[in-house]
């Protein structure tokens, strides 16, 4: 479940960085799944949406990075 911006803002720096690392891994995993299986594959009668999954993971990472930039600025 995605964290709210308030929950993200309340994270101490070490937890924020851990969440960024975790979410970065999930973005990579979703991208590689789409590379391997395509945008919207069907498997055993189930339709998957790798495009939506990748967008969701990136959106979650983006929320974490917004907080990182708020705290530390953007160079």
PDB file of N, CA and C in Angstrom:
ATOM      1  N   UNK A   1       0.840  -1.173   0.000  1.00  0.00           N
ATOM      2  CA  UNK A   1       0.000   0.000   0.000  1.00  0.00           C
ATOM      3  C   UNK A   1       0.889   1.241   0.000  1.00  0.00           C
ATOM      4  N   UNK A   2       0.527   2.181  -0.819  1.00  0.00           N
ATOM      5  CA  UNK A   2       1.313   3.412  -0.938  1.00  0.00           C
ATOM      6  C   UNK A   2       1.178   4.262   0.324  1.00  0.00           C
ATOM      7  N   UNK A   3       2.263   4.932   0.655  1.00  0.00           N
ATOM      8  CA  UNK A   3       2.263   5.823   1.809  1.00  0.00           C
ATOM      9  C   UNK A   3       1.708   7.186   1.384  1.00  0.00           C
ATOM     10  N   UNK A   4       1.075   7.879   2.324  1.00  0.00           N
ATOM     11  CA  UNK A   4       0.632   9.242   2.061  1.00  0.00           C
ATOM     12  C   UNK A   4       1.828  10.174   2.171  1.00  0.00           C
ATOM     13  N   UNK A   5       1.712  11.386   1.634  1.00  0.00           N
ATOM     14  CA  UNK A   5       2.801  12.352   1.751  1.00  0.00           C
ATOM     15  C   UNK A   5       3.066  12.690   3.214  1.00  0.00           C
ATOM     16  N   UNK A   6       2.031  12.687   4.041  1.00  0.00           N
ATOM     17  CA  UNK A   6       2.215  12.933   5.467  1.00  0.00           C
ATOM     18  C   UNK A   6       3.025  11.844   6.133  1.00  0.00           C
ATOM     19  N   UNK A   7       2.752  10.594   5.770  1.00  0.00           N
ATOM     20  CA  UNK A   7       3.518   9.469   6.318  1.00  0.00           C
ATOM     21  C   UNK A   7       4.968   9.527   5.846  1.00  0.00           C
ATOM     22  N   UNK A   8       5.149   9.886   4.589  1.00  0.00           N
ATOM     23  CA  UNK A   8       6.506   9.998   4.050  1.00  0.00           C
ATOM     24  C   UNK A   8       7.256  11.115   4.760  1.00  0.00           C
ATOM     25  N   UNK A   9       6.597  12.251   4.969  1.00  0.00           N
ATOM     26  CA  UNK A   9       7.235  13.398   5.625  1.00  0.00           C
ATOM     27  C   UNK A   9       7.654  13.067   7.058  1.00  0.00           C
ATOM     28  N   UNK A  10       6.958  12.132   7.698  1.00  0.00           N
ATOM     29  CA  UNK A  10       7.260  11.778   9.082  1.00  0.00           C
ATOM     30  C   UNK A  10       8.419  10.788   9.211  1.00  0.00           C
ATOM     31  N   UNK A  11       8.884  10.235   8.098  1.00  0.00           N
ATOM     32  CA  UNK A  11       9.972   9.252   8.153  1.00  0.00           C
ATOM     33  C   UNK A  11      11.282   9.915   8.549  1.00  0.00           C
ATOM     34  N   UNK A  12      12.049   9.294   9.446  1.00  0.00           N
ATOM     35  CA  UNK A  12      13.405   9.782   9.679  1.00  0.00           C
ATOM     36  C   UNK A  12      14.245   9.525   8.424  1.00  0.00           C
ATOM     37  N   UNK A  13      15.356  10.226   8.307  1.00  0.00           N
ATOM     38  CA  UNK A  13      16.179  10.157   7.092  1.00  0.00           C
ATOM     39  C   UNK A  13      16.577   8.723   6.746  1.00  0.00           C
ATOM     40  N   UNK A  14      17.003   7.933   7.721  1.00  0.00           N
ATOM     41  CA  UNK A  14      17.445   6.572   7.410  1.00  0.00           C
ATOM     42  C   UNK A  14      16.313   5.725   6.837  1.00  0.00           C
ATOM     43  N   UNK A  15      15.115   5.890   7.358  1.00  0.00           N
ATOM     44  CA  UNK A  15      13.966   5.135   6.822  1.00  0.00           C
ATOM     45  C   UNK A  15      13.566   5.653   5.453  1.00  0.00           C
ATOM     46  N   UNK A  16      13.640   6.975   5.240  1.00  0.00           N
ATOM     47  CA  UNK A  16      13.334   7.548   3.922  1.00  0.00           C
ATOM     48  C   UNK A  16      14.275   6.971   2.870  1.00  0.00           C
ATOM     49  N   UNK A  17      15.558   6.934   3.184  1.00  0.00           N
ATOM     50  CA  UNK A  17      16.531   6.384   2.240  1.00  0.00           C
ATOM     51  C   UNK A  17      16.296   4.898   1.993  1.00  0.00           C
ATOM     52  N   UNK A  18      15.937   4.167   3.026  1.00  0.00           N
ATOM     53  CA  UNK A  18      15.613   2.749   2.862  1.00  0.00           C
ATOM     54  C   UNK A  18      14.411   2.548   1.959  1.00  0.00           C
ATOM     55  N   UNK A  19      13.397   3.389   2.136  1.00  0.00           N
ATOM     56  CA  UNK A  19      12.194   3.302   1.291  1.00  0.00           C
ATOM     57  C   UNK A  19      12.519   3.657  -0.157  1.00  0.00           C
ATOM     58  N   UNK A  20      13.396   4.652  -0.354  1.00  0.00           N
ATOM     59  CA  UNK A  20      13.805   5.008  -1.715  1.00  0.00           C
ATOM     60  C   UNK A  20      14.512   3.827  -2.372  1.00  0.00           C
ATOM     61  N   UNK A  21      15.408   3.184  -1.651  1.00  0.00           N
ATOM     62  CA  UNK A  21      16.123   2.026  -2.189  1.00  0.00           C
ATOM     63  C   UNK A  21      15.152   0.886  -2.503  1.00  0.00           C
ATOM     64  N   UNK A  22      14.238   0.627  -1.586  1.00  0.00           N
ATOM     65  CA  UNK A  22      13.250  -0.440  -1.786  1.00  0.00           C
ATOM     66  C   UNK A  22      12.386  -0.168  -3.010  1.00  0.00           C
ATOM     67  N   UNK A  23      11.889   1.050  -3.104  1.00  0.00           N
ATOM     68  CA  UNK A  23      10.997   1.389  -4.211  1.00  0.00           C
ATOM     69  C   UNK A  23      11.752   1.411  -5.540  1.00  0.00           C
ATOM     70  N   UNK A  24      13.020   1.818  -5.509  1.00  0.00           N
ATOM     71  CA  UNK A  24      13.840   1.785  -6.724  1.00  0.00           C
ATOM     72  C   UNK A  24      13.948   0.359  -7.256  1.00  0.00           C
ATOM     73  N   UNK A  25      14.131  -0.581  -6.346  1.00  0.00           N
ATOM     74  CA  UNK A  25      14.180  -1.994  -6.734  1.00  0.00           C
ATOM     75  C   UNK A  25      12.869  -2.461  -7.348  1.00  0.00           C
ATOM     76  N   UNK A  26      11.761  -1.979  -6.833  1.00  0.00           N
ATOM     77  CA  UNK A  26      10.462  -2.368  -7.371  1.00  0.00           C
ATOM     78  C   UNK A  26      10.232  -1.766  -8.757  1.00  0.00           C
ATOM     79  N   UNK A  27      10.740  -0.554  -8.990  1.00  0.00           N
ATOM     80  CA  UNK A  27      10.659   0.042 -10.330  1.00  0.00           C
ATOM     81  C   UNK A  27      11.465  -0.801 -11.308  1.00  0.00           C
ATOM     82  N   UNK A  28      12.674  -1.191 -10.910  1.00  0.00           N
ATOM     83  CA  UNK A  28      13.514  -2.029 -11.766  1.00  0.00           C
ATOM     84  C   UNK A  28      12.825  -3.351 -12.053  1.00  0.00           C
ATOM     85  N   UNK A  29      12.270  -3.971 -11.033  1.00  0.00           N
ATOM     86  CA  UNK A  29      11.597  -5.247 -11.212  1.00  0.00           C
ATOM     87  C   UNK A  29      10.421  -5.124 -12.179  1.00  0.00           C
ATOM     88  N   UNK A  30       9.621  -4.071 -12.032  1.00  0.00           N
ATOM     89  CA  UNK A  30       8.470  -3.876 -12.916  1.00  0.00           C
ATOM     90  C   UNK A  30       8.922  -3.623 -14.352  1.00  0.00           C
ATOM     91  N   UNK A  31      10.001  -2.862 -14.529  1.00  0.00           N
ATOM     92  CA  UNK A  31      10.512  -2.595 -15.878  1.00  0.00           C
ATOM     93  C   UNK A  31      11.018  -3.881 -16.532  1.00  0.00           C
ATOM     94  N   UNK A  32      11.709  -4.698 -15.763  1.00  0.00           N
ATOM     95  CA  UNK A  32      12.240  -5.943 -16.315  1.00  0.00           C
ATOM     96  C   UNK A  32      11.130  -6.939 -16.621  1.00  0.00           C
ATOM     97  N   UNK A  33      10.082  -6.922 -15.815  1.00  0.00           N
ATOM     98  CA  UNK A  33       8.938  -7.804 -16.088  1.00  0.00           C
ATOM     99  C   UNK A  33       8.266  -7.398 -17.399  1.00  0.00           C
ATOM    100  N   UNK A  34       8.127  -6.078 -17.609  1.00  0.00           N
ATOM    101  CA  UNK A  34       7.531  -5.613 -18.855  1.00  0.00           C
ATOM    102  C   UNK A  34       8.440  -5.946 -20.039  1.00  0.00           C
ATOM    103  N   UNK A  35       9.754  -5.814 -19.849  1.00  0.00           N
ATOM    104  CA  UNK A  35      10.689  -6.159 -20.921  1.00  0.00           C
ATOM    105  C   UNK A  35      10.565  -7.638 -21.294  1.00  0.00           C
ATOM    106  N   UNK A  36      10.434  -8.487 -20.297  1.00  0.00           N
ATOM    107  CA  UNK A  36      10.387  -9.928 -20.532  1.00  0.00           C
ATOM    108  C   UNK A  36       9.039 -10.411 -21.068  1.00  0.00           C
ATOM    109  N   UNK A  37       7.945  -9.793 -20.604  1.00  0.00           N
ATOM    110  CA  UNK A  37       6.619 -10.342 -20.900  1.00  0.00           C
ATOM    111  C   UNK A  37       5.718  -9.431 -21.712  1.00  0.00           C
ATOM    112  N   UNK A  38       6.137  -8.193 -21.929  1.00  0.00           N
ATOM    113  CA  UNK A  38       5.328  -7.269 -22.720  1.00  0.00           C
ATOM    114  C   UNK A  38       4.462  -6.374 -21.852  1.00  0.00           C
ATOM    115  N   UNK A  39       3.754  -5.493 -22.520  1.00  0.00           N
ATOM    116  CA  UNK A  39       2.969  -4.469 -21.834  1.00  0.00           C
ATOM    117  C   UNK A  39       1.765  -5.038 -21.084  1.00  0.00           C
ATOM    118  N   UNK A  40       1.002  -5.865 -21.747  1.00  0.00           N
ATOM    119  CA  UNK A  40      -0.228  -6.375 -21.137  1.00  0.00           C
ATOM    120  C   UNK A  40      -0.433  -7.850 -21.508  1.00  0.00           C
ATOM    121  N   UNK A  41       0.430  -8.705 -20.981  1.00  0.00           N
ATOM    122  CA  UNK A  41       0.339 -10.122 -21.348  1.00  0.00           C
ATOM    123  C   UNK A  41      -0.853 -10.816 -20.688  1.00  0.00           C
ATOM    124  N   UNK A  42      -1.216 -11.909 -21.309  1.00  0.00           N
ATOM    125  CA  UNK A  42      -2.257 -12.759 -20.724  1.00  0.00           C
ATOM    126  C   UNK A  42      -1.600 -14.096 -20.395  1.00  0.00           C
ATOM    127  N   UNK A  43      -1.881 -14.599 -19.199  1.00  0.00           N
ATOM    128  CA  UNK A  43      -1.263 -15.847 -18.754  1.00  0.00           C
ATOM    129  C   UNK A  43      -2.315 -16.658 -18.018  1.00  0.00           C
ATOM    130  N   UNK A  44      -2.573 -17.857 -18.470  1.00  0.00           N
ATOM    131  CA  UNK A  44      -3.556 -18.762 -17.858  1.00  0.00           C
ATOM    132  C   UNK A  44      -4.904 -18.069 -17.663  1.00  0.00           C
ATOM    133  N   UNK A  45      -5.311 -17.320 -18.673  1.00  0.00           N
ATOM    134  CA  UNK A  45      -6.606 -16.656 -18.634  1.00  0.00           C
ATOM    135  C   UNK A  45      -6.655 -15.384 -17.804  1.00  0.00           C
ATOM    136  N   UNK A  46      -5.514 -14.954 -17.284  1.00  0.00           N
ATOM    137  CA  UNK A  46      -5.456 -13.736 -16.465  1.00  0.00           C
ATOM    138  C   UNK A  46      -4.748 -12.645 -17.260  1.00  0.00           C
ATOM    139  N   UNK A  47      -5.359 -11.472 -17.345  1.00  0.00           N
ATOM    140  CA  UNK A  47      -4.761 -10.325 -18.036  1.00  0.00           C
ATOM    141  C   UNK A  47      -3.933  -9.520 -17.044  1.00  0.00           C
ATOM    142  N   UNK A  48      -2.670  -9.294 -17.361  1.00  0.00           N
ATOM    143  CA  UNK A  48      -1.773  -8.491 -16.525  1.00  0.00           C
ATOM    144  C   UNK A  48      -1.550  -7.144 -17.196  1.00  0.00           C
ATOM    145  N   UNK A  49      -1.267  -6.131 -16.393  1.00  0.00           N
ATOM    146  CA  UNK A  49      -1.007  -4.796 -16.935  1.00  0.00           C
ATOM    147  C   UNK A  49       0.323  -4.292 -16.398  1.00  0.00           C
ATOM    148  N   UNK A  50       1.381  -4.654 -17.087  1.00  0.00           N
ATOM    149  CA  UNK A  50       2.718  -4.259 -16.657  1.00  0.00           C
ATOM    150  C   UNK A  50       2.950  -2.762 -16.809  1.00  0.00           C
ATOM    151  N   UNK A  51       2.231  -2.117 -17.716  1.00  0.00           N
ATOM    152  CA  UNK A  51       2.325  -0.666 -17.873  1.00  0.00           C
ATOM    153  C   UNK A  51       1.815   0.013 -16.602  1.00  0.00           C
ATOM    154  N   UNK A  52       0.657  -0.409 -16.136  1.00  0.00           N
ATOM    155  CA  UNK A  52       0.086   0.167 -14.908  1.00  0.00           C
ATOM    156  C   UNK A  52       0.984  -0.117 -13.712  1.00  0.00           C
ATOM    157  N   UNK A  53       1.524  -1.330 -13.642  1.00  0.00           N
ATOM    158  CA  UNK A  53       2.396  -1.689 -12.518  1.00  0.00           C
ATOM    159  C   UNK A  53       3.644  -0.804 -12.487  1.00  0.00           C
ATOM    160  N   UNK A  54       4.258  -0.597 -13.646  1.00  0.00           N
ATOM    161  CA  UNK A  54       5.462   0.233 -13.700  1.00  0.00           C
ATOM    162  C   UNK A  54       5.136   1.682 -13.341  1.00  0.00           C
ATOM    163  N   UNK A  55       4.026   2.181 -13.837  1.00  0.00           N
ATOM    164  CA  UNK A  55       3.618   3.541 -13.489  1.00  0.00           C
ATOM    165  C   UNK A  55       3.335   3.692 -12.007  1.00  0.00           C
ATOM    166  N   UNK A  56       2.702   2.700 -11.403  1.00  0.00           N
ATOM    167  CA  UNK A  56       2.411   2.741  -9.969  1.00  0.00           C
ATOM    168  C   UNK A  56       3.694   2.776  -9.154  1.00  0.00           C
ATOM    169  N   UNK A  57       4.630   1.895  -9.485  1.00  0.00           N
ATOM    170  CA  UNK A  57       5.891   1.839  -8.746  1.00  0.00           C
ATOM    171  C   UNK A  57       6.670   3.135  -8.903  1.00  0.00           C
ATOM    172  N   UNK A  58       6.699   3.682 -10.114  1.00  0.00           N
ATOM    173  CA  UNK A  58       7.415   4.933 -10.326  1.00  0.00           C
ATOM    174  C   UNK A  58       6.758   6.082  -9.570  1.00  0.00           C
ATOM    175  N   UNK A  59       5.441   6.096  -9.535  1.00  0.00           N
ATOM    176  CA  UNK A  59       4.722   7.141  -8.808  1.00  0.00           C
ATOM    177  C   UNK A  59       5.059   7.096  -7.320  1.00  0.00           C
ATOM    178  N   UNK A  60       5.155   5.899  -6.767  1.00  0.00           N
ATOM    179  CA  UNK A  60       5.511   5.760  -5.357  1.00  0.00           C
ATOM    180  C   UNK A  60       6.937   6.242  -5.110  1.00  0.00           C
ATOM    181  N   UNK A  61       7.856   5.897  -6.008  1.00  0.00           N
ATOM    182  CA  UNK A  61       9.232   6.376  -5.888  1.00  0.00           C
ATOM    183  C   UNK A  61       9.275   7.898  -6.004  1.00  0.00           C
ATOM    184  N   UNK A  62       8.489   8.436  -6.895  1.00  0.00           N
ATOM    185  CA  UNK A  62       8.447   9.883  -7.087  1.00  0.00           C
ATOM    186  C   UNK A  62       8.009  10.604  -5.813  1.00  0.00           C
ATOM    187  N   UNK A  63       7.024  10.060  -5.109  1.00  0.00           N
ATOM    188  CA  UNK A  63       6.582  10.663  -3.851  1.00  0.00           C
ATOM    189  C   UNK A  63       7.691  10.685  -2.812  1.00  0.00           C
ATOM    190  N   UNK A  64       8.461   9.619  -2.751  1.00  0.00           N
ATOM    191  CA  UNK A  64       9.585   9.562  -1.823  1.00  0.00           C
ATOM    192  C   UNK A  64      10.673  10.556  -2.220  1.00  0.00           C
ATOM    193  N   UNK A  65      10.939  10.659  -3.514  1.00  0.00           N
ATOM    194  CA  UNK A  65      11.956  11.586  -3.981  1.00  0.00           C
ATOM    195  C   UNK A  65      11.533  13.041  -3.797  1.00  0.00           C
ATOM    196  N   UNK A  66      10.258  13.316  -3.865  1.00  0.00           N
ATOM    197  CA  UNK A  66       9.782  14.679  -3.593  1.00  0.00           C
ATOM    198  C   UNK A  66      10.140  15.080  -2.167  1.00  0.00           C
ATOM    199  N   UNK A  67       9.961  14.163  -1.235  1.00  0.00           N
ATOM    200  CA  UNK A  67      10.310  14.450   0.155  1.00  0.00           C
ATOM    201  C   UNK A  67      11.818  14.594   0.310  1.00  0.00           C
ATOM    202  N   UNK A  68      12.584  13.750  -0.340  1.00  0.00           N
ATOM    203  CA  UNK A  68      14.036  13.847  -0.298  1.00  0.00           C
ATOM    204  C   UNK A  68      14.481  15.224  -0.789  1.00  0.00           C
ATOM    205  N   UNK A  69      13.915  15.673  -1.910  1.00  0.00           N
ATOM    206  CA  UNK A  69      14.272  16.976  -2.469  1.00  0.00           C
ATOM    207  C   UNK A  69      13.826  18.111  -1.554  1.00  0.00           C
ATOM    208  N   UNK A  70      12.678  17.947  -0.898  1.00  0.00           N
ATOM    209  CA  UNK A  70      12.204  18.971   0.031  1.00  0.00           C
ATOM    210  C   UNK A  70      13.209  19.144   1.162  1.00  0.00           C
ATOM    211  N   UNK A  71      13.718  18.032   1.653  1.00  0.00           N
ATOM    212  CA  UNK A  71      14.641  18.084   2.787  1.00  0.00           C
ATOM    213  C   UNK A  71      16.048  18.546   2.404  1.00  0.00           C
ATOM    214  N   UNK A  72      16.518  18.085   1.267  1.00  0.00           N
ATOM    215  CA  UNK A  72      17.925  18.281   0.922  1.00  0.00           C
ATOM    216  C   UNK A  72      18.166  19.170  -0.292  1.00  0.00           C
ATOM    217  N   UNK A  73      17.117  19.592  -0.946  1.00  0.00           N
ATOM    218  CA  UNK A  73      17.260  20.442  -2.118  1.00  0.00           C
ATOM    219  C   UNK A  73      17.626  19.649  -3.363  1.00  0.00           C
ATOM    220  N   UNK A  74      17.646  20.352  -4.452  1.00  0.00           N
ATOM    221  CA  UNK A  74      17.980  19.749  -5.741  1.00  0.00           C
ATOM    222  C   UNK A  74      19.168  20.522  -6.308  1.00  0.00           C
ATOM    223  N   UNK A  75      20.220  19.830  -6.630  1.00  0.00           N
ATOM    224  CA  UNK A  75      21.403  20.494  -7.213  1.00  0.00           C
ATOM    225  C   UNK A  75      21.431  20.296  -8.703  1.00  0.00           C
TER     226      UNK A  75
END
